[in-house]
Amino acid sequence: MAPAITLAAEAPKLSAADTGFMLICSALVMLMTPGLAFFYGGMVRVKSTLNMLMMSFISLGIVTILWVLYGFSVAFGTDKGSLVGWTSDFVGFSGIGKMDLWPGYTIPVFVFAVFQLMFAIITPALISGALADRVKFSAWAVFLVLWVTIVYFPVAHWVWGAGGWAYELGVIDFAGGTAVHINAGAAALGVILVIGRRVGFKKDPMRPHSLPLVMLGAGLLWFGWFGFNAGSWLGNNDGVGALMFVNTQIATAAAMLAWLVYEKIRHGAFTTLGAASGAVAGLVAITPSGGAVSPLGAIAVGAIAGVLCAMAVGLKYKFGYDDSLDVVGVHMVGGVLGSLLIGFFASGKGQSDVKGLFYGGGLDQLWKQCAGVFAVLAYSLIVSAVLAFLLDKTMGLRVSEDEEVSGIDQAEHAETAYDFSGAGGGVIGSIAPALAAMQSKKVDA
């Protein structure tokens, strides 16, 4: 009798549908960084608007180059000790063929790499909101290079890279609750503890100069977040991406409403800024959990995040740390909540059969989530504070007090966001005042 022949499973083939979908998702995530720039840019005072926009936009340039040179290799290369990755073919994208597929999936390596690049870009940009009004642009650029190299790239490997310790432990982070939001929020806290408060903190009014810009930014973030979340499943063959898409909308709506209700009870008004902030809090919280919870669970996650993040943003006045645009209160707290609530609300019918405490799963997943959350939070907080301290002692992180008071836009960029004179235009028109001031100083000397 002839021996039975066992046929190997057919290797995945490139899917035009999945590839096209992921390219669209990558573009949506890219749009989130300009959306974040508008969101933050509208929340600051007029004199800091351009600086806030530039702190996000510069990440598009710097992180893209670093990702190609070595970031993708560190984050998603072959595991080295459960802490970092490294694959020489990924360096400079030199050994990646256009038809090479990401292992186990139906999309090219290039598509996976560019999708993850957009996450690497927006994560450090999130930090910038906590530092508004007072950080040198050159120092921010250097910090950005160091932070993504030492913090983001390794943490992305921990959480999403095959062999990373959090990945192997079973920590669930569908699209970035730990790797993106807790990481960025903890980093923001570490830096602001080093650089200190803005001039006039708790004394001068520091209201948003353009709430329409804030709402535009929030809308772009909400829109782009569908790519951020649903795209993280890397395909559409089993309905998990669709579940994540639906849960993203549900949790965001619930969080916005919950924030507004809390705000009305606590402060007596439904504010535009509250609506925008509540929506972002819901987006943050559902990012790690949306593939694991049911739609009803998404309502719970969003509502809890809406209320607790609204409460958390006020802590800066109680404890005295100057988180300019509430990065800690929204992104760090929202990321922690979304990640830990998986341990309670995971239904076992989404991305895996893992069940949370409320679905009969006990505490097993909750302690795994705790391990991931607090390891990333502590690492990012400590390393970011050390980086900020070293930069402050070498090149200096803060602009001078006079420059901060007069306006960081003019001091760092030789421009202003709004020209009410009606004169000038183009590059020469924008730098002419700065050049004239320089010439005047030479004459006086």
Protein backbone atom coordinates (compact mmCIF):
# COMPACT_ATOMS: atom_id res chain seq x y z
CA MET A 1 0.00 0.00 0.00
CA ALA A 2 1.41 3.35 -1.03
CA PRO A 3 2.08 5.81 1.81
CA ALA A 4 -0.35 8.66 2.19
CA ILE A 5 0.82 11.96 0.77
CA THR A 6 0.35 15.03 2.96
CA LEU A 7 0.13 18.26 1.02
CA ALA A 8 1.53 21.40 2.62
CA ALA A 9 -0.90 24.23 3.11
CA GLU A 10 -0.91 26.53 0.16
CA ALA A 11 1.14 29.64 0.83
CA PRO A 12 -0.77 32.93 0.90
CA LYS A 13 -0.91 34.79 -2.39
CA LEU A 14 -0.97 38.52 -2.93
CA SER A 15 -4.50 39.88 -2.63
CA ALA A 16 -5.21 42.95 -4.72
CA ALA A 17 -8.23 43.72 -2.51
CA ASP A 18 -6.30 43.54 0.77
CA THR A 19 -3.37 45.43 -0.72
CA GLY A 20 -5.58 48.24 -2.01
CA PHE A 21 -7.44 48.41 1.28
CA MET A 22 -4.19 48.69 3.25
CA LEU A 23 -2.82 51.40 0.99
CA ILE A 24 -6.00 53.40 1.59
CA CYS A 25 -5.71 52.80 5.34
CA SER A 26 -2.09 53.97 5.24
CA ALA A 27 -3.16 57.21 3.56
CA LEU A 28 -5.89 57.68 6.19
CA VAL A 29 -3.39 57.27 9.01
CA MET A 30 -1.03 59.71 7.31
CA LEU A 31 -3.87 62.25 7.23
CA MET A 32 -4.19 61.94 10.99
CA THR A 33 -0.89 63.77 11.55
CA PRO A 34 -2.02 66.96 9.74
CA GLY A 35 -5.36 66.49 11.52
CA LEU A 36 -3.50 66.39 14.83
CA ALA A 37 -1.60 69.53 13.80
CA PHE A 38 -4.88 71.39 13.26
CA PHE A 39 -6.35 69.98 16.48
CA TYR A 40 -3.37 71.14 18.52
CA GLY A 41 -2.88 74.32 16.46
CA GLY A 42 -6.38 75.56 17.25
CA MET A 43 -6.01 74.82 20.96
CA VAL A 44 -3.02 77.09 21.54
CA ARG A 45 -2.84 80.87 21.61
CA VAL A 46 -2.33 82.76 18.34
CA LYS A 47 1.36 83.35 19.00
CA SER A 48 2.10 79.59 19.11
CA THR A 49 -0.05 78.33 16.24
CA LEU A 50 2.65 77.77 13.62
CA ASN A 51 5.05 76.19 16.06
CA MET A 52 2.35 73.71 17.03
CA LEU A 53 1.66 72.87 13.40
CA MET A 54 5.36 72.45 12.66
CA MET A 55 5.99 70.15 15.62
CA SER A 56 3.62 67.65 14.01
CA PHE A 57 4.64 68.22 10.41
CA ILE A 58 8.37 67.78 11.11
CA SER A 59 7.63 64.25 12.30
CA LEU A 60 6.46 63.38 8.79
CA GLY A 61 9.93 64.20 7.55
CA ILE A 62 12.24 62.93 10.27
CA VAL A 63 10.50 59.69 11.20
CA THR A 64 10.01 58.65 7.56
CA ILE A 65 13.76 58.72 6.91
CA LEU A 66 14.65 56.99 10.18
CA TRP A 67 12.03 54.29 9.53
CA VAL A 68 13.54 53.47 6.15
CA LEU A 69 17.13 53.52 7.44
CA TYR A 70 16.69 51.35 10.52
CA GLY A 71 13.36 51.86 12.35
CA PHE A 72 11.40 49.19 10.51
CA SER A 73 14.19 46.71 11.14
CA VAL A 74 14.30 47.46 14.88
CA ALA A 75 10.52 47.30 15.26
CA PHE A 76 9.65 44.35 13.00
CA GLY A 77 12.88 42.54 12.19
CA THR A 78 13.88 39.14 13.54
CA ASP A 79 13.60 39.14 17.33
CA LYS A 80 16.72 39.73 19.42
CA GLY A 81 16.19 38.88 23.07
CA SER A 82 12.47 39.80 23.10
CA LEU A 83 13.43 43.50 23.23
CA VAL A 84 14.33 44.61 19.70
CA GLY A 85 14.31 43.23 16.19
CA TRP A 86 16.86 43.34 13.40
CA THR A 87 16.77 42.16 9.79
CA SER A 88 19.52 43.48 7.54
CA ASP A 89 17.29 43.24 4.45
CA PHE A 90 14.99 45.81 6.04
CA VAL A 91 17.77 48.38 6.43
CA GLY A 92 17.17 51.04 3.80
CA PHE A 93 14.46 48.72 2.45
CA SER A 94 17.35 47.37 0.38
CA GLY A 95 16.46 43.69 0.51
CA ILE A 96 12.69 43.93 0.07
CA GLY A 97 11.25 42.83 -3.26
CA LYS A 98 8.10 44.46 -4.54
CA MET A 99 6.26 41.12 -4.54
CA ASP A 100 7.58 39.89 -1.19
CA LEU A 101 4.64 39.26 1.16
CA TRP A 102 4.50 40.00 4.86
CA PRO A 103 4.68 36.54 6.50
CA GLY A 104 1.24 35.00 6.97
CA TYR A 105 -0.60 37.76 5.12
CA THR A 106 -1.65 38.64 1.60
CA ILE A 107 -0.08 42.10 1.40
CA PRO A 108 3.44 43.08 0.30
CA VAL A 109 6.11 43.85 2.88
CA PHE A 110 6.26 47.38 1.46
CA VAL A 111 2.58 47.91 2.27
CA PHE A 112 2.95 46.64 5.83
CA ALA A 113 6.05 48.79 6.29
CA VAL A 114 4.38 51.99 5.08
CA PHE A 115 1.26 51.35 7.17
CA GLN A 116 3.36 50.96 10.30
CA LEU A 117 5.41 54.00 9.32
CA MET A 118 2.33 56.19 9.72
CA PHE A 119 1.96 54.95 13.32
CA ALA A 120 5.60 55.76 13.99
CA ILE A 121 5.05 59.29 12.63
CA ILE A 122 2.01 60.26 14.66
CA THR A 123 3.15 58.82 18.00
CA PRO A 124 5.89 61.39 18.77
CA ALA A 125 3.71 64.12 17.26
CA LEU A 126 1.19 63.38 20.02
CA ILE A 127 3.80 64.32 22.63
CA SER A 128 4.16 67.83 21.24
CA GLY A 129 0.78 68.96 22.54
CA ALA A 130 2.04 68.80 26.12
CA LEU A 131 5.00 71.06 25.32
CA ALA A 132 3.19 73.93 23.61
CA ASP A 133 4.51 77.50 23.82
CA ARG A 134 7.95 76.81 25.27
CA VAL A 135 10.24 74.35 23.43
CA LYS A 136 12.94 75.22 20.90
CA PHE A 137 12.12 73.75 17.51
CA SER A 138 15.69 72.51 16.96
CA ALA A 139 15.69 70.80 20.36
CA TRP A 140 12.32 69.22 19.58
CA ALA A 141 13.72 67.80 16.33
CA VAL A 142 16.69 66.25 18.15
CA PHE A 143 14.42 64.86 20.87
CA LEU A 144 12.20 63.36 18.19
CA VAL A 145 15.16 61.53 16.61
CA LEU A 146 16.33 60.15 19.95
CA TRP A 147 12.88 59.26 21.25
CA VAL A 148 11.68 57.22 18.29
CA THR A 149 15.04 55.42 18.20
CA ILE A 150 15.29 54.55 21.88
CA VAL A 151 11.62 54.36 22.86
CA TYR A 152 9.13 53.95 20.01
CA PHE A 153 10.94 51.46 17.78
CA PRO A 154 11.73 49.02 20.64
CA VAL A 155 8.27 49.36 22.23
CA ALA A 156 6.61 48.65 18.88
CA HIS A 157 8.64 45.44 18.78
CA TRP A 158 7.61 44.50 22.31
CA VAL A 159 3.94 44.85 21.49
CA TRP A 160 3.60 43.87 17.81
CA GLY A 161 6.83 42.21 16.72
CA ALA A 162 6.99 38.42 16.59
CA GLY A 163 9.12 37.44 19.60
CA GLY A 164 8.54 40.69 21.48
CA TRP A 165 7.96 39.99 25.16
CA ALA A 166 4.50 41.62 25.35
CA TYR A 167 3.43 39.94 22.10
CA GLU A 168 4.51 36.54 23.42
CA LEU A 169 2.90 37.15 26.81
CA GLY A 170 -0.44 37.68 25.09
CA VAL A 171 -0.97 41.38 25.76
CA ILE A 172 -3.79 42.56 23.48
CA ASP A 173 -3.18 45.87 21.73
CA PHE A 174 -5.14 45.90 18.50
CA ALA A 175 -3.89 49.24 17.15
CA GLY A 176 -1.79 51.09 19.69
CA GLY A 177 -3.18 51.63 23.19
CA THR A 178 0.21 50.82 24.70
CA ALA A 179 2.62 51.33 21.80
CA VAL A 180 1.10 54.65 20.70
CA HIS A 181 -1.06 56.38 23.32
CA ILE A 182 0.37 55.27 26.67
CA ASN A 183 3.83 55.54 25.14
CA ALA A 184 3.27 59.11 23.96
CA GLY A 185 1.32 60.21 27.05
CA ALA A 186 3.93 58.91 29.47
CA ALA A 187 6.68 60.53 27.40
CA ALA A 188 4.82 63.84 27.54
CA LEU A 189 4.61 63.61 31.32
CA GLY A 190 8.31 62.80 31.59
CA VAL A 191 9.34 65.80 29.48
CA ILE A 192 7.08 68.38 31.13
CA LEU A 193 8.32 67.35 34.58
CA VAL A 194 11.79 68.33 33.35
CA ILE A 195 11.08 71.53 31.41
CA GLY A 196 8.57 73.00 33.84
CA ARG A 197 5.51 75.19 33.42
CA ARG A 198 4.71 77.91 30.92
CA VAL A 199 5.08 81.51 31.97
CA GLY A 200 1.74 82.48 33.49
CA PHE A 201 0.46 78.94 34.10
CA LYS A 202 -2.57 79.06 36.44
CA LYS A 203 -2.53 82.88 36.21
CA ASP A 204 -2.99 83.98 32.60
CA PRO A 205 -5.87 82.84 30.38
CA MET A 206 -4.58 80.30 27.87
CA ARG A 207 -7.72 79.63 25.89
CA PRO A 208 -7.83 78.04 22.41
CA HIS A 209 -7.52 80.73 19.74
CA SER A 210 -9.58 78.88 17.10
CA LEU A 211 -12.20 76.31 18.05
CA PRO A 212 -13.15 75.83 14.37
CA LEU A 213 -9.58 74.60 13.78
CA VAL A 214 -9.92 72.28 16.77
CA MET A 215 -13.12 70.80 15.37
CA LEU A 216 -11.58 70.44 11.91
CA GLY A 217 -8.63 68.60 13.43
CA ALA A 218 -10.90 66.36 15.51
CA GLY A 219 -12.96 65.52 12.42
CA LEU A 220 -9.86 64.60 10.44
CA LEU A 221 -8.61 62.46 13.31
CA TRP A 222 -11.96 60.68 13.60
CA PHE A 223 -12.02 60.06 9.85
CA GLY A 224 -8.43 58.84 9.69
CA TRP A 225 -8.85 56.66 12.77
CA PHE A 226 -10.96 54.19 10.79
CA GLY A 227 -7.83 53.38 8.80
CA PHE A 228 -5.75 53.40 11.99
CA ASN A 229 -8.00 50.85 13.68
CA ALA A 230 -9.67 48.73 11.00
CA GLY A 231 -6.48 48.54 8.97
CA SER A 232 -4.52 47.04 11.84
CA TRP A 233 -6.02 43.62 11.16
CA LEU A 234 -4.20 43.70 7.78
CA GLY A 235 -7.06 42.14 5.85
CA ASN A 236 -10.81 41.65 5.53
CA ASN A 237 -11.38 37.93 5.29
CA ASP A 238 -12.88 37.18 8.71
CA GLY A 239 -14.91 40.20 9.77
CA VAL A 240 -12.63 41.34 12.58
CA GLY A 241 -11.66 44.51 10.73
CA ALA A 242 -15.34 45.27 10.21
CA LEU A 243 -16.02 44.77 13.93
CA MET A 244 -13.19 47.16 14.74
CA PHE A 245 -14.54 49.75 12.30
CA VAL A 246 -18.00 49.61 13.89
CA ASN A 247 -16.65 49.70 17.44
CA THR A 248 -14.50 52.71 16.59
CA GLN A 249 -17.58 54.72 15.65
CA ILE A 250 -19.62 53.49 18.63
CA ALA A 251 -17.01 54.13 21.32
CA THR A 252 -16.17 57.57 19.95
CA ALA A 253 -19.82 58.61 19.99
CA ALA A 254 -20.29 57.28 23.53
CA ALA A 255 -17.20 59.04 24.83
CA MET A 256 -18.16 62.38 23.29
CA LEU A 257 -21.62 62.22 24.86
CA ALA A 258 -20.28 61.09 28.23
CA TRP A 259 -17.70 63.90 28.29
CA LEU A 260 -20.38 66.48 27.48
CA VAL A 261 -22.75 65.20 30.18
CA TYR A 262 -19.94 65.26 32.76
CA GLU A 263 -18.97 68.75 31.61
CA LYS A 264 -22.54 70.02 31.90
CA ILE A 265 -22.90 68.63 35.41
CA ARG A 266 -19.46 69.78 36.53
CA HIS A 267 -19.10 73.13 34.75
CA GLY A 268 -22.60 74.00 33.56
CA ALA A 269 -22.06 74.01 29.78
CA PHE A 270 -21.68 71.76 26.75
CA THR A 271 -18.48 73.11 25.18
CA THR A 272 -17.13 72.65 21.67
CA LEU A 273 -13.71 71.82 23.08
CA GLY A 274 -15.33 69.19 25.29
CA ALA A 275 -17.02 67.54 22.32
CA ALA A 276 -13.75 67.37 20.40
CA SER A 277 -11.76 66.15 23.40
CA GLY A 278 -14.38 63.54 24.29
CA ALA A 279 -14.32 62.16 20.75
CA VAL A 280 -10.54 61.83 20.85
CA ALA A 281 -10.71 60.14 24.28
CA GLY A 282 -13.10 57.55 22.84
CA LEU A 283 -10.87 56.97 19.83
CA VAL A 284 -7.89 56.45 22.11
CA ALA A 285 -9.69 54.00 24.42
CA ILE A 286 -11.13 51.82 21.66
CA THR A 287 -7.80 51.61 19.83
CA PRO A 288 -6.43 48.69 21.88
CA SER A 289 -9.77 47.09 22.72
CA GLY A 290 -12.04 47.37 19.68
CA GLY A 291 -11.19 43.97 18.23
CA ALA A 292 -11.87 42.19 21.50
CA VAL A 293 -15.13 43.75 22.71
CA SER A 294 -18.70 43.65 21.43
CA PRO A 295 -20.54 46.78 20.24
CA LEU A 296 -22.21 47.03 23.65
CA GLY A 297 -18.78 46.68 25.20
CA ALA A 298 -17.60 49.52 22.96
CA ILE A 299 -20.31 51.76 24.41
CA ALA A 300 -19.05 50.94 27.90
CA VAL A 301 -15.41 51.53 26.97
CA GLY A 302 -16.24 54.87 25.35
CA ALA A 303 -18.48 56.10 28.16
CA ILE A 304 -15.96 55.20 30.86
CA ALA A 305 -13.15 56.88 28.94
CA GLY A 306 -15.25 59.98 28.29
CA VAL A 307 -15.96 60.58 31.96
CA LEU A 308 -12.59 59.56 33.44
CA CYS A 309 -10.52 61.44 30.84
CA ALA A 310 -12.64 64.54 31.45
CA MET A 311 -11.85 64.20 35.13
CA ALA A 312 -8.17 63.51 34.46
CA VAL A 313 -7.49 66.69 32.49
CA GLY A 314 -8.10 68.72 35.63
CA LEU A 315 -5.40 66.92 37.59
CA LYS A 316 -2.68 69.16 36.15
CA TYR A 317 -4.05 72.06 38.18
CA LYS A 318 -4.20 69.95 41.33
CA PHE A 319 -0.70 68.49 41.00
CA GLY A 320 0.93 71.43 39.23
CA TYR A 321 2.31 69.86 36.06
CA ASP A 322 1.73 71.92 32.91
CA ASP A 323 0.32 69.54 30.30
CA SER A 324 -0.53 72.28 27.81
CA LEU A 325 -3.07 70.45 25.63
CA ASP A 326 -4.01 67.51 27.90
CA VAL A 327 -1.92 64.80 26.28
CA VAL A 328 -1.53 63.05 29.63
CA GLY A 329 -5.20 63.34 30.56
CA VAL A 330 -6.51 62.12 27.21
CA HIS A 331 -3.87 59.90 25.62
CA MET A 332 -2.11 58.34 28.59
CA VAL A 333 -5.25 57.93 30.73
CA GLY A 334 -7.38 56.93 27.73
CA GLY A 335 -4.77 54.41 26.60
CA VAL A 336 -4.53 52.89 30.08
CA LEU A 337 -8.32 52.62 30.37
CA GLY A 338 -8.78 51.09 26.91
CA SER A 339 -6.03 48.55 27.51
CA LEU A 340 -7.13 47.50 30.98
CA LEU A 341 -10.84 47.31 30.11
CA ILE A 342 -10.00 44.46 27.73
CA GLY A 343 -9.51 42.41 30.87
CA PHE A 344 -13.13 43.06 31.79
CA PHE A 345 -15.03 43.35 28.49
CA ALA A 346 -13.27 40.97 26.06
CA SER A 347 -16.12 38.87 24.65
CA GLY A 348 -14.18 35.95 23.18
CA LYS A 349 -15.99 36.48 19.86
CA GLY A 350 -13.72 39.04 18.22
CA GLN A 351 -10.06 38.83 17.34
CA SER A 352 -9.55 35.80 19.59
CA ASP A 353 -11.37 33.55 22.04
CA VAL A 354 -9.89 35.41 25.02
CA LYS A 355 -12.60 36.38 27.53
CA GLY A 356 -12.51 39.10 30.13
CA LEU A 357 -13.73 38.97 33.72
CA PHE A 358 -17.33 39.95 32.87
CA TYR A 359 -17.54 37.13 30.32
CA GLY A 360 -16.28 34.36 32.59
CA GLY A 361 -12.60 34.63 31.71
CA GLY A 362 -11.32 35.38 35.19
CA LEU A 363 -8.36 37.67 35.81
CA ASP A 364 -5.88 36.02 33.44
CA GLN A 365 -6.11 38.60 30.64
CA LEU A 366 -6.34 41.52 33.05
CA TRP A 367 -2.98 40.82 34.63
CA LYS A 368 -1.41 40.48 31.17
CA GLN A 369 -2.84 43.85 30.23
CA CYS A 370 -1.50 45.34 33.45
CA ALA A 371 1.98 44.01 32.67
CA GLY A 372 1.98 45.60 29.22
CA VAL A 373 0.47 48.89 30.35
CA PHE A 374 2.73 49.62 33.28
CA ALA A 375 5.93 48.38 31.64
CA VAL A 376 5.46 50.68 28.65
CA LEU A 377 4.34 53.57 30.87
CA ALA A 378 7.36 53.30 33.17
CA TYR A 379 9.90 52.81 30.38
CA SER A 380 8.64 55.71 28.30
CA LEU A 381 8.27 58.05 31.28
CA ILE A 382 11.77 57.42 32.62
CA VAL A 383 13.66 57.38 29.32
CA SER A 384 11.82 60.46 28.03
CA ALA A 385 12.62 62.39 31.20
CA VAL A 386 16.29 61.42 30.93
CA LEU A 387 16.43 62.47 27.27
CA ALA A 388 14.78 65.80 28.09
CA PHE A 389 17.19 66.40 30.97
CA LEU A 390 20.26 65.68 28.82
CA LEU A 391 19.06 67.90 26.00
CA ASP A 392 18.19 70.68 28.42
CA LYS A 393 21.68 70.57 29.92
CA THR A 394 23.40 70.53 26.52
CA MET A 395 21.58 72.48 23.82
CA GLY A 396 18.75 73.78 25.98
CA LEU A 397 15.11 72.75 25.52
CA ARG A 398 13.24 75.95 26.29
CA VAL A 399 13.12 79.25 24.50
CA SER A 400 13.91 82.30 26.57
CA GLU A 401 11.21 83.82 28.77
CA ASP A 402 11.07 86.90 26.56
CA GLU A 403 10.58 84.77 23.44
CA GLU A 404 7.88 82.73 25.15
CA VAL A 405 5.99 85.83 26.21
CA SER A 406 6.31 87.61 22.87
CA GLY A 407 5.50 84.50 20.85
CA ILE A 408 7.34 81.36 19.86
CA ASP A 409 6.13 81.56 16.25
CA GLN A 410 8.10 84.73 15.54
CA ALA A 411 11.10 83.60 17.59
CA GLU A 412 11.47 80.13 16.09
CA HIS A 413 9.93 80.43 12.62
CA ALA A 414 10.05 84.15 11.75
CA GLU A 415 6.35 83.97 10.84
CA THR A 416 2.91 84.54 12.29
CA ALA A 417 -0.19 82.47 11.69
CA TYR A 418 -2.38 85.38 10.65
CA ASP A 419 -1.31 88.47 8.75
CA PHE A 420 -3.81 91.25 9.39
CA SER A 421 -1.80 93.92 7.57
CA GLY A 422 -2.79 92.71 4.10
CA ALA A 423 0.76 93.33 2.87
CA GLY A 424 3.40 90.97 1.60
CA GLY A 425 3.19 87.34 0.64
CA GLY A 426 5.27 84.30 -0.14
CA VAL A 427 8.51 83.29 1.51
CA ILE A 428 10.21 86.67 1.22
CA GLY A 429 7.21 88.47 2.66
CA SER A 430 7.08 86.11 5.62
CA ILE A 431 10.73 86.48 6.61
CA ALA A 432 11.09 90.17 5.83
CA PRO A 433 10.22 91.36 9.38
CA ALA A 434 12.81 89.03 10.88
CA LEU A 435 15.47 90.16 8.38
CA ALA A 436 14.69 93.79 9.10
CA ALA A 437 15.07 93.19 12.82
CA MET A 438 18.43 91.51 12.27
CA GLN A 439 19.65 94.40 10.14
CA SER A 440 18.55 96.87 12.80
CA LYS A 441 20.56 95.03 15.43
CA LYS A 442 23.67 95.18 13.20
CA VAL A 443 23.29 98.93 12.73
CA ASP A 444 22.82 99.51 16.44
CA ALA A 445 25.93 97.46 17.15
